[in-house]
Protein backbone atom coordinates (compact mmCIF):
# COMPACT_ATOMS: atom_id res chain seq x y z
CA MET A 1 -43.87 -21.03 75.53
CA ARG A 2 -47.57 -22.66 76.03
CA THR A 3 -49.39 -18.97 74.63
CA LEU A 4 -47.05 -18.93 71.44
CA ALA A 5 -47.65 -22.11 70.26
CA LEU A 6 -51.42 -21.42 70.80
CA ALA A 7 -50.84 -18.92 68.85
CA ALA A 8 -48.71 -20.20 65.47
CA VAL A 9 -51.67 -23.40 65.46
CA PHE A 10 -54.34 -20.65 65.27
CA SER A 11 -52.18 -18.45 62.60
CA CYS A 12 -52.40 -21.90 61.08
CA PHE A 13 -56.39 -21.97 61.25
CA LEU A 14 -56.76 -18.53 60.17
CA ALA A 15 -55.31 -18.70 56.37
CA ALA A 16 -56.02 -21.97 56.20
CA ALA A 17 -59.84 -20.54 56.89
CA GLN A 18 -58.71 -17.59 53.80
CA PRO A 19 -59.78 -18.14 50.74
CA GLU A 20 -57.57 -19.26 47.95
CA PHE A 21 -59.61 -17.08 45.11
CA ALA A 22 -59.33 -13.38 46.38
CA VAL A 23 -60.30 -10.16 45.80
CA GLY A 24 -56.84 -9.67 43.38
CA SER A 25 -57.14 -13.20 41.22
CA LYS A 26 -57.77 -13.40 37.99
CA VAL A 27 -59.85 -15.85 35.98
CA ASP A 28 -60.06 -16.50 31.79
CA THR A 29 -62.72 -18.21 31.64
CA ILE A 30 -65.39 -18.54 34.48
CA ARG A 31 -67.15 -22.31 33.28
CA VAL A 32 -71.24 -23.96 34.24
CA SER A 33 -73.43 -25.67 32.77
CA GLU A 34 -77.17 -25.11 30.51
CA ASN A 35 -79.03 -27.68 29.55
CA SER A 36 -76.67 -29.46 30.85
CA VAL A 37 -74.59 -28.56 28.57
CA PRO A 38 -70.86 -27.14 29.33
CA VAL A 39 -70.79 -23.56 29.14
CA SER A 40 -67.45 -21.16 28.97
CA ILE A 41 -67.76 -17.09 30.45
CA SER A 42 -64.71 -14.74 29.17
CA PRO A 43 -64.83 -11.53 31.28
CA ALA A 44 -62.77 -10.62 27.40
CA ASN A 45 -66.03 -10.28 26.38
CA ALA A 46 -67.74 -7.47 28.63
CA LYS A 47 -66.89 -4.55 30.46
CA ALA A 48 -67.20 -6.74 33.46
CA THR A 49 -68.90 -9.93 35.35
CA ILE A 50 -70.88 -10.16 37.25
CA VAL A 51 -71.26 -13.92 39.64
CA ILE A 52 -73.91 -14.01 41.47
CA PHE A 53 -74.55 -17.25 43.47
CA ILE A 54 -78.13 -17.97 43.84
CA SER A 55 -81.10 -20.47 45.46
CA THR A 56 -84.24 -22.03 44.52
CA LYS A 57 -84.66 -23.15 48.13
CA CYS A 58 -82.55 -20.67 50.27
CA PRO A 59 -84.97 -17.81 51.90
CA ILE A 60 -82.97 -15.09 52.15
CA SER A 61 -81.58 -15.75 48.51
CA ASN A 62 -85.07 -15.27 47.31
CA SER A 63 -86.03 -11.78 49.41
CA TYR A 64 -83.02 -11.23 46.83
CA ASN A 65 -85.00 -11.71 43.84
CA GLU A 66 -86.31 -8.21 42.13
CA ARG A 67 -83.65 -6.55 43.26
CA MET A 68 -81.74 -9.47 41.80
CA ASN A 69 -84.01 -8.74 38.66
CA ALA A 70 -82.92 -5.14 38.90
CA ILE A 71 -79.28 -4.87 39.11
CA TYR A 72 -79.53 -7.10 36.22
CA LYS A 73 -81.89 -5.48 33.89
CA ASP A 74 -79.82 -1.52 35.03
CA TYR A 75 -76.45 -2.67 33.78
CA SER A 76 -76.85 -6.06 31.25
CA ASP A 77 -77.61 -2.60 28.29
CA ARG A 78 -74.22 -1.50 29.52
CA GLY A 79 -71.72 -4.20 28.62
CA VAL A 80 -72.49 -6.35 31.91
CA GLN A 81 -72.46 -9.49 31.87
CA PHE A 82 -73.99 -11.90 34.02
CA VAL A 83 -73.69 -15.25 35.17
CA PHE A 84 -76.28 -16.19 37.82
CA VAL A 85 -75.38 -19.60 39.36
CA ASN A 86 -77.08 -22.95 41.36
CA ALA A 87 -74.27 -24.63 42.63
CA ASN A 88 -76.67 -25.92 45.22
CA ALA A 89 -76.93 -30.14 44.95
CA ASN A 90 -80.23 -30.51 46.41
CA GLU A 91 -81.89 -27.90 43.35
CA PRO A 92 -81.77 -29.58 39.64
CA VAL A 93 -82.17 -28.10 37.01
CA GLN A 94 -85.88 -28.58 36.64
CA GLU A 95 -86.06 -27.02 40.33
CA ILE A 96 -84.50 -24.39 38.60
CA GLU A 97 -86.21 -23.70 35.39
CA GLU A 98 -89.62 -22.86 36.71
CA HIS A 99 -88.42 -20.82 40.12
CA ALA A 100 -86.30 -18.84 37.40
CA LYS A 101 -89.88 -18.37 35.34
CA ALA A 102 -92.30 -18.43 38.69
CA ASN A 103 -89.99 -14.74 39.49
CA GLN A 104 -89.92 -13.86 36.17
CA PHE A 105 -85.65 -13.39 35.64
CA SER A 106 -84.35 -11.65 32.98
CA PHE A 107 -81.75 -13.90 33.13
CA LYS A 108 -80.29 -17.29 33.05
CA VAL A 109 -79.63 -19.24 35.52
CA TYR A 110 -76.46 -21.47 35.06
CA LYS A 111 -76.08 -25.20 36.72
CA ASP A 112 -72.64 -25.01 38.64
CA VAL A 113 -72.66 -29.29 38.72
CA ASN A 114 -70.66 -30.65 40.92
CA ASN A 115 -70.47 -27.24 42.96
CA VAL A 116 -67.04 -26.87 41.10
CA LEU A 117 -66.88 -23.48 40.36
CA ALA A 118 -68.19 -22.18 43.56
CA SER A 119 -65.63 -24.43 45.59
CA GLU A 120 -62.87 -22.85 42.89
CA PHE A 121 -64.23 -19.43 44.31
CA GLY A 122 -64.29 -20.90 47.55
CA ALA A 123 -68.03 -19.47 47.54
CA THR A 124 -69.99 -21.19 50.49
CA VAL A 125 -73.47 -18.60 50.55
CA THR A 126 -76.62 -17.72 48.20
CA PRO A 127 -76.40 -14.61 47.44
CA GLU A 128 -73.11 -14.53 47.02
CA ALA A 129 -71.55 -11.85 44.13
CA TYR A 130 -68.42 -11.23 42.87
CA VAL A 131 -67.58 -8.56 40.17
CA PHE A 132 -64.10 -9.34 38.08
CA ASP A 133 -63.24 -6.23 35.59
CA LYS A 134 -62.57 -6.76 31.33
CA SER A 135 -59.07 -8.84 32.42
CA GLY A 136 -60.57 -11.29 34.68
CA VAL A 137 -59.48 -9.58 38.00
CA LEU A 138 -61.29 -10.09 41.08
CA GLU A 139 -63.27 -6.40 42.53
CA TYR A 140 -65.28 -7.66 44.14
CA HIS A 141 -66.73 -9.67 46.37
CA GLY A 142 -69.35 -11.14 49.24
CA GLN A 143 -72.90 -9.33 49.37
CA VAL A 144 -75.55 -8.21 46.63
CA ASP A 145 -76.11 -5.30 49.65
CA ASP A 146 -76.10 -5.34 53.78
CA ALA A 147 -80.25 -6.07 54.86
CA THR A 148 -82.24 -8.50 53.37
CA ASN A 149 -85.51 -6.31 54.41
CA GLU A 150 -84.10 -3.72 51.13
CA ALA A 151 -85.56 -0.19 53.15
CA ARG A 152 -82.82 -1.31 55.41
CA VAL A 153 -80.68 -1.27 53.21
CA ARG A 154 -77.07 0.96 53.38
CA VAL A 155 -74.64 -0.19 51.27
CA LYS A 156 -75.46 -1.60 48.61
CA GLY A 157 -71.59 -3.43 47.85
CA LEU A 158 -72.39 -4.96 44.39
CA ARG A 159 -74.11 -1.93 42.23
CA THR A 160 -71.28 0.46 44.06
CA ALA A 161 -68.37 -2.36 42.95
CA ILE A 162 -70.10 -2.44 39.36
CA ASP A 163 -70.03 1.57 38.83
CA ALA A 164 -66.28 1.97 40.09
CA VAL A 165 -66.06 -1.15 37.38
CA LEU A 166 -67.78 0.71 34.85
CA SER A 167 -65.63 4.21 35.17
CA ASN A 168 -62.37 2.47 35.85
CA LYS A 169 -61.87 3.15 39.43
CA PRO A 170 -60.55 1.85 41.83
CA VAL A 171 -63.82 -0.82 43.89
CA GLU A 172 -63.49 1.17 47.52
CA LEU A 173 -64.72 -1.44 49.18
CA LYS A 174 -63.24 -4.95 47.88
CA GLU A 175 -65.06 -6.96 50.28
CA THR A 176 -68.12 -7.66 52.46
CA LYS A 177 -69.12 -10.64 54.31
CA ALA A 178 -71.75 -12.45 51.79
CA PHE A 179 -74.86 -14.14 54.19
CA GLY A 180 -77.30 -15.99 53.24
CA CYS A 181 -77.63 -20.06 53.32
CA THR A 182 -74.74 -22.18 52.97
CA ILE A 183 -74.71 -23.81 49.27
CA LYS A 184 -75.85 -27.37 49.74
CA LYS A 185 -72.20 -29.08 48.23
CA VAL A 186 -72.52 -32.59 46.82
CA ARG A 187 -70.92 -35.47 48.72
CA ARG A 188 -67.57 -36.79 47.67
CA SER A 189 -66.38 -39.83 48.60
CA SER A 190 -63.01 -40.13 50.65
């Protein structure tokens, strides 16, 4: 009887730990901020929409800077729109802009004020990637690839997912475990 009760409690914790925004979920609009101005981005405006949460301070996120720049350059001319997002409460807009310039990003980095988008998606680390198809359905969630050292990469989850969506094929590997530094959230008063 005790084992059954523990199993029931454990399954409740597992259910609570599951992200609300799972693969197969749909989004109509992605809301972020650019220079303190709200911006709405629709997946319907592109063949695929990629959202990647990044950081200025996280060494793991920063180890992906060149790869993220390469992904942007490889796909932005193919009908893919990118939404690179900084949701860290401890990284102000000026720092984000300086970081983008210092790393010669070819893409914009939007601010997720008060972690609204990160909370909606269940994003917890940087870098963490999401791939949406043209109808706004989440087709992939997880890591950019499986190693911070590019020479050790075996699984390019993000690139593989983008290629599948662009080819109108099912994404085989729909979810991987994103790894990196935790997103520093705004403290909420209770």
